[in-house]
Amino acid sequence: MRAGELRHRILIQRLASGQDEYGQPLNAWQDVATVWAKIEDLSGREYFQAQQVPTAQVSTRITIRWRPDIEPTMRVVHGARVLDIKAVLDPDGRRREIQLMCLEVE
């Protein structure tokens, strides 16, 4: 991977759960890391849900330097876009880079 390809700054977040002062469950997104990334939109489609409201869905591959703490339960924030991580791949098994297969639903 060449450093020049990593030209987008992204924020990786995890869902942190806890309780408020009344004991009610509290879920909030917590920042994990801000890293440089290569972002590639792979495909997009529109589909209709039960109420016939069109929804856009975009599949995206994000490549970053290898990190051991990235999980499929996290999400990526890039500007106004929020992408759910669906899979974390190490393409060559050498721990140099990871690919985050993400899905953005608008």
PDB file of N, CA and C in Angstrom:
ATOM      1  N   MET A   1       0.851  -1.173   0.000  1.00  0.00           N
ATOM      2  CA  MET A   1       0.000   0.000   0.000  1.00  0.00           C
ATOM      3  C   MET A   1       0.892   1.230   0.000  1.00  0.00           C
ATOM      4  N   ARG A   2       0.582   2.140  -0.890  1.00  0.00           N
ATOM      5  CA  ARG A   2       1.336   3.388  -0.951  1.00  0.00           C
ATOM      6  C   ARG A   2       0.645   4.443  -0.100  1.00  0.00           C
ATOM      7  N   ALA A   3       1.449   5.249   0.582  1.00  0.00           N
ATOM      8  CA  ALA A   3       0.901   6.255   1.497  1.00  0.00           C
ATOM      9  C   ALA A   3       0.049   7.290   0.772  1.00  0.00           C
ATOM     10  N   GLY A   4       0.340   7.566  -0.486  1.00  0.00           N
ATOM     11  CA  GLY A   4      -0.429   8.553  -1.231  1.00  0.00           C
ATOM     12  C   GLY A   4      -1.865   8.151  -1.483  1.00  0.00           C
ATOM     13  N   GLU A   5      -2.164   6.846  -1.420  1.00  0.00           N
ATOM     14  CA  GLU A   5      -3.534   6.379  -1.617  1.00  0.00           C
ATOM     15  C   GLU A   5      -4.407   6.658  -0.399  1.00  0.00           C
ATOM     16  N   LEU A   6      -3.801   6.821   0.763  1.00  0.00           N
ATOM     17  CA  LEU A   6      -4.545   7.071   1.998  1.00  0.00           C
ATOM     18  C   LEU A   6      -4.750   8.575   2.150  1.00  0.00           C
ATOM     19  N   ARG A   7      -5.738   9.091   1.448  1.00  0.00           N
ATOM     20  CA  ARG A   7      -5.911  10.544   1.428  1.00  0.00           C
ATOM     21  C   ARG A   7      -7.164  11.040   2.138  1.00  0.00           C
ATOM     22  N   HIS A   8      -7.954  10.125   2.677  1.00  0.00           N
ATOM     23  CA  HIS A   8      -9.172  10.513   3.391  1.00  0.00           C
ATOM     24  C   HIS A   8      -8.964  10.318   4.891  1.00  0.00           C
ATOM     25  N   ARG A   9      -9.431  11.279   5.663  1.00  0.00           N
ATOM     26  CA  ARG A   9      -9.333  11.192   7.125  1.00  0.00           C
ATOM     27  C   ARG A   9     -10.667  10.663   7.639  1.00  0.00           C
ATOM     28  N   ILE A  10     -10.659   9.540   8.352  1.00  0.00           N
ATOM     29  CA  ILE A  10     -11.891   8.944   8.858  1.00  0.00           C
ATOM     30  C   ILE A  10     -11.815   8.792  10.372  1.00  0.00           C
ATOM     31  N   LEU A  11     -12.985   8.667  10.970  1.00  0.00           N
ATOM     32  CA  LEU A  11     -13.112   8.455  12.403  1.00  0.00           C
ATOM     33  C   LEU A  11     -13.769   7.102  12.614  1.00  0.00           C
ATOM     34  N   ILE A  12     -13.159   6.252  13.423  1.00  0.00           N
ATOM     35  CA  ILE A  12     -13.719   4.941  13.734  1.00  0.00           C
ATOM     36  C   ILE A  12     -14.316   5.015  15.131  1.00  0.00           C
ATOM     37  N   GLN A  13     -15.559   4.526  15.259  1.00  0.00           N
ATOM     38  CA  GLN A  13     -16.273   4.601  16.531  1.00  0.00           C
ATOM     39  C   GLN A  13     -16.808   3.239  16.933  1.00  0.00           C
ATOM     40  N   ARG A  14     -16.965   3.036  18.249  1.00  0.00           N
ATOM     41  CA  ARG A  14     -17.601   1.826  18.773  1.00  0.00           C
ATOM     42  C   ARG A  14     -18.783   2.230  19.637  1.00  0.00           C
ATOM     43  N   LEU A  15     -19.765   1.341  19.739  1.00  0.00           N
ATOM     44  CA  LEU A  15     -20.943   1.597  20.548  1.00  0.00           C
ATOM     45  C   LEU A  15     -20.627   1.258  21.996  1.00  0.00           C
ATOM     46  N   ALA A  16     -20.688   2.256  22.860  1.00  0.00           N
ATOM     47  CA  ALA A  16     -20.428   2.069  24.289  1.00  0.00           C
ATOM     48  C   ALA A  16     -21.761   2.078  25.018  1.00  0.00           C
ATOM     49  N   SER A  17     -21.985   1.064  25.812  1.00  0.00           N
ATOM     50  CA  SER A  17     -23.241   1.003  26.556  1.00  0.00           C
ATOM     51  C   SER A  17     -22.965   1.201  28.043  1.00  0.00           C
ATOM     52  N   GLY A  18     -23.963   1.694  28.713  1.00  0.00           N
ATOM     53  CA  GLY A  18     -23.848   1.953  30.144  1.00  0.00           C
ATOM     54  C   GLY A  18     -25.217   2.299  30.701  1.00  0.00           C
ATOM     55  N   GLN A  19     -25.226   2.964  31.838  1.00  0.00           N
ATOM     56  CA  GLN A  19     -26.476   3.374  32.477  1.00  0.00           C
ATOM     57  C   GLN A  19     -26.375   4.820  32.921  1.00  0.00           C
ATOM     58  N   ASP A  20     -27.526   5.513  32.866  1.00  0.00           N
ATOM     59  CA  ASP A  20     -27.553   6.875  33.375  1.00  0.00           C
ATOM     60  C   ASP A  20     -27.797   6.837  34.883  1.00  0.00           C
ATOM     61  N   GLU A  21     -27.973   8.012  35.502  1.00  0.00           N
ATOM     62  CA  GLU A  21     -28.122   8.076  36.961  1.00  0.00           C
ATOM     63  C   GLU A  21     -29.416   7.430  37.457  1.00  0.00           C
ATOM     64  N   TYR A  22     -30.377   7.168  36.549  1.00  0.00           N
ATOM     65  CA  TYR A  22     -31.638   6.533  36.931  1.00  0.00           C
ATOM     66  C   TYR A  22     -31.645   5.042  36.622  1.00  0.00           C
ATOM     67  N   GLY A  23     -30.530   4.517  36.118  1.00  0.00           N
ATOM     68  CA  GLY A  23     -30.439   3.104  35.814  1.00  0.00           C
ATOM     69  C   GLY A  23     -30.954   2.723  34.436  1.00  0.00           C
ATOM     70  N   GLN A  24     -31.279   3.718  33.632  1.00  0.00           N
ATOM     71  CA  GLN A  24     -31.770   3.444  32.289  1.00  0.00           C
ATOM     72  C   GLN A  24     -30.593   3.122  31.360  1.00  0.00           C
ATOM     73  N   PRO A  25     -30.784   2.177  30.426  1.00  0.00           N
ATOM     74  CA  PRO A  25     -29.681   1.871  29.495  1.00  0.00           C
ATOM     75  C   PRO A  25     -29.337   3.082  28.628  1.00  0.00           C
ATOM     76  N   LEU A  26     -28.062   3.256  28.409  1.00  0.00           N
ATOM     77  CA  LEU A  26     -27.569   4.401  27.665  1.00  0.00           C
ATOM     78  C   LEU A  26     -26.571   3.902  26.624  1.00  0.00           C
ATOM     79  N   ASN A  27     -26.838   4.166  25.358  1.00  0.00           N
ATOM     80  CA  ASN A  27     -25.943   3.779  24.275  1.00  0.00           C
ATOM     81  C   ASN A  27     -25.436   5.030  23.584  1.00  0.00           C
ATOM     82  N   ALA A  28     -24.130   5.114  23.412  1.00  0.00           N
ATOM     83  CA  ALA A  28     -23.527   6.273  22.751  1.00  0.00           C
ATOM     84  C   ALA A  28     -22.322   5.792  21.951  1.00  0.00           C
ATOM     85  N   TRP A  29     -22.037   6.485  20.852  1.00  0.00           N
ATOM     86  CA  TRP A  29     -20.876   6.139  20.028  1.00  0.00           C
ATOM     87  C   TRP A  29     -19.644   6.819  20.602  1.00  0.00           C
ATOM     88  N   GLN A  30     -18.594   6.031  20.797  1.00  0.00           N
ATOM     89  CA  GLN A  30     -17.347   6.504  21.396  1.00  0.00           C
ATOM     90  C   GLN A  30     -16.238   6.424  20.350  1.00  0.00           C
ATOM     91  N   ASP A  31     -15.437   7.485  20.247  1.00  0.00           N
ATOM     92  CA  ASP A  31     -14.343   7.518  19.279  1.00  0.00           C
ATOM     93  C   ASP A  31     -13.256   6.525  19.660  1.00  0.00           C
ATOM     94  N   VAL A  32     -12.768   5.770  18.669  1.00  0.00           N
ATOM     95  CA  VAL A  32     -11.682   4.813  18.876  1.00  0.00           C
ATOM     96  C   VAL A  32     -10.394   5.349  18.278  1.00  0.00           C
ATOM     97  N   ALA A  33     -10.467   5.809  17.013  1.00  0.00           N
ATOM     98  CA  ALA A  33      -9.257   6.280  16.338  1.00  0.00           C
ATOM     99  C   ALA A  33      -9.633   7.168  15.165  1.00  0.00           C
ATOM    100  N   THR A  34      -8.726   8.078  14.836  1.00  0.00           N
ATOM    101  CA  THR A  34      -8.819   8.876  13.615  1.00  0.00           C
ATOM    102  C   THR A  34      -7.622   8.479  12.765  1.00  0.00           C
ATOM    103  N   VAL A  35      -7.893   7.960  11.568  1.00  0.00           N
ATOM    104  CA  VAL A  35      -6.830   7.403  10.728  1.00  0.00           C
ATOM    105  C   VAL A  35      -6.989   7.869   9.281  1.00  0.00           C
ATOM    106  N   TRP A  36      -5.910   7.698   8.507  1.00  0.00           N
ATOM    107  CA  TRP A  36      -5.941   7.972   7.078  1.00  0.00           C
ATOM    108  C   TRP A  36      -6.434   6.724   6.359  1.00  0.00           C
ATOM    109  N   ALA A  37      -7.221   6.916   5.284  1.00  0.00           N
ATOM    110  CA  ALA A  37      -7.838   5.778   4.612  1.00  0.00           C
ATOM    111  C   ALA A  37      -8.001   6.020   3.120  1.00  0.00           C
ATOM    112  N   LYS A  38      -8.175   4.916   2.416  1.00  0.00           N
ATOM    113  CA  LYS A  38      -8.551   4.916   1.004  1.00  0.00           C
ATOM    114  C   LYS A  38      -9.998   4.445   0.946  1.00  0.00           C
ATOM    115  N   ILE A  39     -10.877   5.234   0.324  1.00  0.00           N
ATOM    116  CA  ILE A  39     -12.302   4.921   0.286  1.00  0.00           C
ATOM    117  C   ILE A  39     -12.717   4.649  -1.156  1.00  0.00           C
ATOM    118  N   GLU A  40     -13.354   3.495  -1.367  1.00  0.00           N
ATOM    119  CA  GLU A  40     -13.842   3.115  -2.691  1.00  0.00           C
ATOM    120  C   GLU A  40     -15.298   2.686  -2.582  1.00  0.00           C
ATOM    121  N   ASP A  41     -16.191   3.389  -3.271  1.00  0.00           N
ATOM    122  CA  ASP A  41     -17.582   2.954  -3.340  1.00  0.00           C
ATOM    123  C   ASP A  41     -17.668   1.840  -4.366  1.00  0.00           C
ATOM    124  N   LEU A  42     -18.194   0.680  -3.945  1.00  0.00           N
ATOM    125  CA  LEU A  42     -18.221  -0.492  -4.805  1.00  0.00           C
ATOM    126  C   LEU A  42     -19.519  -0.610  -5.586  1.00  0.00           C
ATOM    127  N   SER A  43     -20.642  -0.403  -4.909  1.00  0.00           N
ATOM    128  CA  SER A  43     -21.929  -0.515  -5.594  1.00  0.00           C
ATOM    129  C   SER A  43     -22.970   0.278  -4.827  1.00  0.00           C
ATOM    130  N   GLY A  44     -24.034   0.558  -5.506  1.00  0.00           N
ATOM    131  CA  GLY A  44     -25.156   1.255  -4.890  1.00  0.00           C
ATOM    132  C   GLY A  44     -26.449   0.718  -5.472  1.00  0.00           C
ATOM    133  N   ARG A  45     -27.506   0.766  -4.683  1.00  0.00           N
ATOM    134  CA  ARG A  45     -28.801   0.330  -5.177  1.00  0.00           C
ATOM    135  C   ARG A  45     -29.893   1.013  -4.389  1.00  0.00           C
ATOM    136  N   GLU A  46     -31.059   1.023  -4.976  1.00  0.00           N
ATOM    137  CA  GLU A  46     -32.242   1.527  -4.294  1.00  0.00           C
ATOM    138  C   GLU A  46     -33.213   0.379  -4.156  1.00  0.00           C
ATOM    139  N   TYR A  47     -33.869   0.306  -3.020  1.00  0.00           N
ATOM    140  CA  TYR A  47     -34.876  -0.731  -2.825  1.00  0.00           C
ATOM    141  C   TYR A  47     -36.044  -0.136  -2.062  1.00  0.00           C
ATOM    142  N   PHE A  48     -37.173  -0.819  -2.142  1.00  0.00           N
ATOM    143  CA  PHE A  48     -38.381  -0.359  -1.486  1.00  0.00           C
ATOM    144  C   PHE A  48     -38.649  -1.231  -0.269  1.00  0.00           C
ATOM    145  N   GLN A  49     -38.921  -0.577   0.848  1.00  0.00           N
ATOM    146  CA  GLN A  49     -39.288  -1.310   2.051  1.00  0.00           C
ATOM    147  C   GLN A  49     -40.804  -1.485   2.063  1.00  0.00           C
ATOM    148  N   ALA A  50     -41.343  -1.996   3.145  1.00  0.00           N
ATOM    149  CA  ALA A  50     -42.763  -2.336   3.222  1.00  0.00           C
ATOM    150  C   ALA A  50     -43.676  -1.147   2.942  1.00  0.00           C
ATOM    151  N   GLN A  51     -43.300   0.052   3.307  1.00  0.00           N
ATOM    152  CA  GLN A  51     -44.156   1.210   3.104  1.00  0.00           C
ATOM    153  C   GLN A  51     -43.897   1.893   1.768  1.00  0.00           C
ATOM    154  N   GLN A  52     -43.187   1.222   0.875  1.00  0.00           N
ATOM    155  CA  GLN A  52     -42.911   1.740  -0.457  1.00  0.00           C
ATOM    156  C   GLN A  52     -42.122   3.050  -0.446  1.00  0.00           C
ATOM    157  N   VAL A  53     -41.229   3.187   0.515  1.00  0.00           N
ATOM    158  CA  VAL A  53     -40.359   4.357   0.581  1.00  0.00           C
ATOM    159  C   VAL A  53     -38.999   3.933   0.029  1.00  0.00           C
ATOM    160  N   PRO A  54     -38.514   4.579  -1.040  1.00  0.00           N
ATOM    161  CA  PRO A  54     -37.221   4.163  -1.589  1.00  0.00           C
ATOM    162  C   PRO A  54     -36.073   4.465  -0.624  1.00  0.00           C
ATOM    163  N   THR A  55     -35.169   3.509  -0.508  1.00  0.00           N
ATOM    164  CA  THR A  55     -34.009   3.641   0.363  1.00  0.00           C
ATOM    165  C   THR A  55     -32.761   3.365  -0.457  1.00  0.00           C
ATOM    166  N   ALA A  56     -31.749   4.205  -0.310  1.00  0.00           N
ATOM    167  CA  ALA A  56     -30.488   4.016  -1.027  1.00  0.00           C
ATOM    168  C   ALA A  56     -29.502   3.279  -0.123  1.00  0.00           C
ATOM    169  N   GLN A  57     -28.752   2.356  -0.730  1.00  0.00           N
ATOM    170  CA  GLN A  57     -27.774   1.563  -0.001  1.00  0.00           C
ATOM    171  C   GLN A  57     -26.482   1.555  -0.796  1.00  0.00           C
ATOM    172  N   VAL A  58     -25.364   1.887  -0.155  1.00  0.00           N
ATOM    173  CA  VAL A  58     -24.072   1.959  -0.834  1.00  0.00           C
ATOM    174  C   VAL A  58     -23.086   1.034  -0.130  1.00  0.00           C
ATOM    175  N   SER A  59     -22.449   0.147  -0.910  1.00  0.00           N
ATOM    176  CA  SER A  59     -21.388  -0.716  -0.382  1.00  0.00           C
ATOM    177  C   SER A  59     -20.053  -0.027  -0.612  1.00  0.00           C
ATOM    178  N   THR A  60     -19.223   0.019   0.407  1.00  0.00           N
ATOM    179  CA  THR A  60     -17.959   0.748   0.342  1.00  0.00           C
ATOM    180  C   THR A  60     -16.838  -0.104   0.935  1.00  0.00           C
ATOM    181  N   ARG A  61     -15.661  -0.043   0.280  1.00  0.00           N
ATOM    182  CA  ARG A  61     -14.462  -0.692   0.828  1.00  0.00           C
ATOM    183  C   ARG A  61     -13.525   0.413   1.303  1.00  0.00           C
ATOM    184  N   ILE A  62     -13.102   0.324   2.563  1.00  0.00           N
ATOM    185  CA  ILE A  62     -12.190   1.291   3.153  1.00  0.00           C
ATOM    186  C   ILE A  62     -10.915   0.552   3.526  1.00  0.00           C
ATOM    187  N   THR A  63      -9.779   1.025   3.029  1.00  0.00           N
ATOM    188  CA  THR A  63      -8.491   0.413   3.322  1.00  0.00           C
ATOM    189  C   THR A  63      -7.711   1.323   4.258  1.00  0.00           C
ATOM    190  N   ILE A  64      -7.214   0.741   5.369  1.00  0.00           N
ATOM    191  CA  ILE A  64      -6.409   1.484   6.336  1.00  0.00           C
ATOM    192  C   ILE A  64      -5.188   0.640   6.707  1.00  0.00           C
ATOM    193  N   ARG A  65      -4.244   1.253   7.394  1.00  0.00           N
ATOM    194  CA  ARG A  65      -3.113   0.486   7.921  1.00  0.00           C
ATOM    195  C   ARG A  65      -3.626  -0.484   8.981  1.00  0.00           C
ATOM    196  N   TRP A  66      -2.931  -1.592   9.147  1.00  0.00           N
ATOM    197  CA  TRP A  66      -3.391  -2.652  10.037  1.00  0.00           C
ATOM    198  C   TRP A  66      -3.482  -2.173  11.487  1.00  0.00           C
ATOM    199  N   ARG A  67      -4.585  -2.524  12.123  1.00  0.00           N
ATOM    200  CA  ARG A  67      -4.819  -2.248  13.549  1.00  0.00           C
ATOM    201  C   ARG A  67      -5.473  -3.486  14.149  1.00  0.00           C
ATOM    202  N   PRO A  68      -5.086  -3.879  15.345  1.00  0.00           N
ATOM    203  CA  PRO A  68      -5.683  -5.081  15.939  1.00  0.00           C
ATOM    204  C   PRO A  68      -7.031  -4.844  16.610  1.00  0.00           C
ATOM    205  N   ASP A  69      -7.451  -3.592  16.769  1.00  0.00           N
ATOM    206  CA  ASP A  69      -8.628  -3.293  17.583  1.00  0.00           C
ATOM    207  C   ASP A  69      -9.892  -2.977  16.787  1.00  0.00           C
ATOM    208  N   ILE A  70      -9.926  -3.267  15.499  1.00  0.00           N
ATOM    209  CA  ILE A  70     -11.102  -2.971  14.678  1.00  0.00           C
ATOM    210  C   ILE A  70     -12.006  -4.198  14.623  1.00  0.00           C
ATOM    211  N   GLU A  71     -13.305  -3.991  14.848  1.00  0.00           N
ATOM    212  CA  GLU A  71     -14.282  -5.080  14.890  1.00  0.00           C
ATOM    213  C   GLU A  71     -15.468  -4.759  13.982  1.00  0.00           C
ATOM    214  N   PRO A  72     -16.203  -5.795  13.537  1.00  0.00           N
ATOM    215  CA  PRO A  72     -17.365  -5.574  12.674  1.00  0.00           C
ATOM    216  C   PRO A  72     -18.541  -4.873  13.352  1.00  0.00           C
ATOM    217  N   THR A  73     -18.482  -4.666  14.650  1.00  0.00           N
ATOM    218  CA  THR A  73     -19.569  -3.982  15.355  1.00  0.00           C
ATOM    219  C   THR A  73     -19.378  -2.467  15.374  1.00  0.00           C
ATOM    220  N   MET A  74     -18.292  -1.991  14.807  1.00  0.00           N
ATOM    221  CA  MET A  74     -17.973  -0.558  14.832  1.00  0.00           C
ATOM    222  C   MET A  74     -18.549   0.148  13.606  1.00  0.00           C
ATOM    223  N   ARG A  75     -18.330   1.456  13.554  1.00  0.00           N
ATOM    224  CA  ARG A  75     -18.754   2.237  12.389  1.00  0.00           C
ATOM    225  C   ARG A  75     -17.676   3.239  12.029  1.00  0.00           C
ATOM    226  N   VAL A  76     -17.786   3.768  10.800  1.00  0.00           N
ATOM    227  CA  VAL A  76     -16.840   4.749  10.277  1.00  0.00           C
ATOM    228  C   VAL A  76     -17.601   6.028   9.979  1.00  0.00           C
ATOM    229  N   VAL A  77     -17.035   7.164  10.360  1.00  0.00           N
ATOM    230  CA  VAL A  77     -17.604   8.472  10.044  1.00  0.00           C
ATOM    231  C   VAL A  77     -16.612   9.189   9.142  1.00  0.00           C
ATOM    232  N   HIS A  78     -17.112   9.600   7.967  1.00  0.00           N
ATOM    233  CA  HIS A  78     -16.287  10.341   7.011  1.00  0.00           C
ATOM    234  C   HIS A  78     -17.103  11.543   6.552  1.00  0.00           C
ATOM    235  N   GLY A  79     -16.819  12.700   7.116  1.00  0.00           N
ATOM    236  CA  GLY A  79     -17.610  13.891   6.810  1.00  0.00           C
ATOM    237  C   GLY A  79     -19.030  13.694   7.320  1.00  0.00           C
ATOM    238  N   ALA A  80     -20.005  13.803   6.406  1.00  0.00           N
ATOM    239  CA  ALA A  80     -21.405  13.609   6.778  1.00  0.00           C
ATOM    240  C   ALA A  80     -21.848  12.158   6.613  1.00  0.00           C
ATOM    241  N   ARG A  81     -20.983  11.311   6.095  1.00  0.00           N
ATOM    242  CA  ARG A  81     -21.329   9.897   5.867  1.00  0.00           C
ATOM    243  C   ARG A  81     -21.072   9.068   7.120  1.00  0.00           C
ATOM    244  N   VAL A  82     -21.985   8.144   7.391  1.00  0.00           N
ATOM    245  CA  VAL A  82     -21.830   7.181   8.478  1.00  0.00           C
ATOM    246  C   VAL A  82     -21.970   5.799   7.862  1.00  0.00           C
ATOM    247  N   LEU A  83     -20.928   4.968   8.022  1.00  0.00           N
ATOM    248  CA  LEU A  83     -20.894   3.654   7.403  1.00  0.00           C
ATOM    249  C   LEU A  83     -20.745   2.581   8.481  1.00  0.00           C
ATOM    250  N   ASP A  84     -21.592   1.579   8.440  1.00  0.00           N
ATOM    251  CA  ASP A  84     -21.508   0.455   9.373  1.00  0.00           C
ATOM    252  C   ASP A  84     -20.500  -0.551   8.842  1.00  0.00           C
ATOM    253  N   ILE A  85     -19.569  -0.982   9.686  1.00  0.00           N
ATOM    254  CA  ILE A  85     -18.584  -1.987   9.284  1.00  0.00           C
ATOM    255  C   ILE A  85     -19.261  -3.359   9.344  1.00  0.00           C
ATOM    256  N   LYS A  86     -19.234  -4.075   8.221  1.00  0.00           N
ATOM    257  CA  LYS A  86     -19.832  -5.411   8.144  1.00  0.00           C
ATOM    258  C   LYS A  86     -18.783  -6.512   8.215  1.00  0.00           C
ATOM    259  N   ALA A  87     -17.557  -6.249   7.744  1.00  0.00           N
ATOM    260  CA  ALA A  87     -16.490  -7.251   7.787  1.00  0.00           C
ATOM    261  C   ALA A  87     -15.144  -6.549   7.851  1.00  0.00           C
ATOM    262  N   VAL A  88     -14.176  -7.194   8.521  1.00  0.00           N
ATOM    263  CA  VAL A  88     -12.809  -6.701   8.630  1.00  0.00           C
ATOM    264  C   VAL A  88     -11.913  -7.761   7.992  1.00  0.00           C
ATOM    265  N   LEU A  89     -11.204  -7.397   6.908  1.00  0.00           N
ATOM    266  CA  LEU A  89     -10.411  -8.359   6.147  1.00  0.00           C
ATOM    267  C   LEU A  89      -8.933  -7.981   6.163  1.00  0.00           C
ATOM    268  N   ASP A  90      -8.083  -8.988   6.284  1.00  0.00           N
ATOM    269  CA  ASP A  90      -6.633  -8.836   6.116  1.00  0.00           C
ATOM    270  C   ASP A  90      -6.313  -9.528   4.795  1.00  0.00           C
ATOM    271  N   PRO A  91      -6.243  -8.781   3.676  1.00  0.00           N
ATOM    272  CA  PRO A  91      -6.219  -9.403   2.348  1.00  0.00           C
ATOM    273  C   PRO A  91      -5.041 -10.342   2.091  1.00  0.00           C
ATOM    274  N   ASP A  92      -3.859 -10.050   2.588  1.00  0.00           N
ATOM    275  CA  ASP A  92      -2.719 -10.922   2.313  1.00  0.00           C
ATOM    276  C   ASP A  92      -2.226 -11.658   3.565  1.00  0.00           C
ATOM    277  N   GLY A  93      -2.853 -11.450   4.712  1.00  0.00           N
ATOM    278  CA  GLY A  93      -2.488 -12.144   5.936  1.00  0.00           C
ATOM    279  C   GLY A  93      -1.174 -11.699   6.555  1.00  0.00           C
ATOM    280  N   ARG A  94      -0.640 -10.574   6.101  1.00  0.00           N
ATOM    281  CA  ARG A  94       0.662 -10.122   6.598  1.00  0.00           C
ATOM    282  C   ARG A  94       0.564  -8.980   7.601  1.00  0.00           C
ATOM    283  N   ARG A  95      -0.650  -8.590   7.966  1.00  0.00           N
ATOM    284  CA  ARG A  95      -0.882  -7.530   8.952  1.00  0.00           C
ATOM    285  C   ARG A  95      -0.253  -6.203   8.537  1.00  0.00           C
ATOM    286  N   ARG A  96      -0.386  -5.878   7.268  1.00  0.00           N
ATOM    287  CA  ARG A  96       0.096  -4.575   6.791  1.00  0.00           C
ATOM    288  C   ARG A  96      -1.060  -3.608   6.590  1.00  0.00           C
ATOM    289  N   GLU A  97      -2.180  -4.136   6.147  1.00  0.00           N
ATOM    290  CA  GLU A  97      -3.364  -3.304   5.915  1.00  0.00           C
ATOM    291  C   GLU A  97      -4.600  -4.132   6.201  1.00  0.00           C
ATOM    292  N   ILE A  98      -5.702  -3.438   6.467  1.00  0.00           N
ATOM    293  CA  ILE A  98      -6.985  -4.125   6.584  1.00  0.00           C
ATOM    294  C   ILE A  98      -7.988  -3.417   5.704  1.00  0.00           C
ATOM    295  N   GLN A  99      -8.940  -4.189   5.229  1.00  0.00           N
ATOM    296  CA  GLN A  99     -10.023  -3.650   4.429  1.00  0.00           C
ATOM    297  C   GLN A  99     -11.304  -3.769   5.236  1.00  0.00           C
ATOM    298  N   LEU A 100     -12.000  -2.661   5.340  1.00  0.00           N
ATOM    299  CA  LEU A 100     -13.272  -2.607   6.046  1.00  0.00           C
ATOM    300  C   LEU A 100     -14.368  -2.611   5.001  1.00  0.00           C
ATOM    301  N   MET A 101     -15.177  -3.666   4.991  1.00  0.00           N
ATOM    302  CA  MET A 101     -16.300  -3.740   4.078  1.00  0.00           C
ATOM    303  C   MET A 101     -17.486  -3.110   4.810  1.00  0.00           C
ATOM    304  N   CYS A 102     -17.967  -1.991   4.269  1.00  0.00           N
ATOM    305  CA  CYS A 102     -18.952  -1.172   4.963  1.00  0.00           C
ATOM    306  C   CYS A 102     -20.228  -1.035   4.149  1.00  0.00           C
ATOM    307  N   LEU A 103     -21.289  -0.671   4.843  1.00  0.00           N
ATOM    308  CA  LEU A 103     -22.585  -0.445   4.221  1.00  0.00           C
ATOM    309  C   LEU A 103     -23.152   0.856   4.753  1.00  0.00           C
ATOM    310  N   GLU A 104     -23.536   1.720   3.823  1.00  0.00           N
ATOM    311  CA  GLU A 104     -24.162   2.993   4.190  1.00  0.00           C
ATOM    312  C   GLU A 104     -25.606   2.951   3.728  1.00  0.00           C
ATOM    313  N   VAL A 105     -26.528   3.123   4.656  1.00  0.00           N
ATOM    314  CA  VAL A 105     -27.959   3.136   4.326  1.00  0.00           C
ATOM    315  C   VAL A 105     -28.466   4.536   4.585  1.00  0.00           C
ATOM    316  N   GLU A 106     -29.037   5.139   3.556  1.00  0.00           N
ATOM    317  CA  GLU A 106     -29.532   6.516   3.678  1.00  0.00           C
ATOM    318  C   GLU A 106     -31.020   6.526   3.917  1.00  0.00           C
TER     319      GLU A 106
END
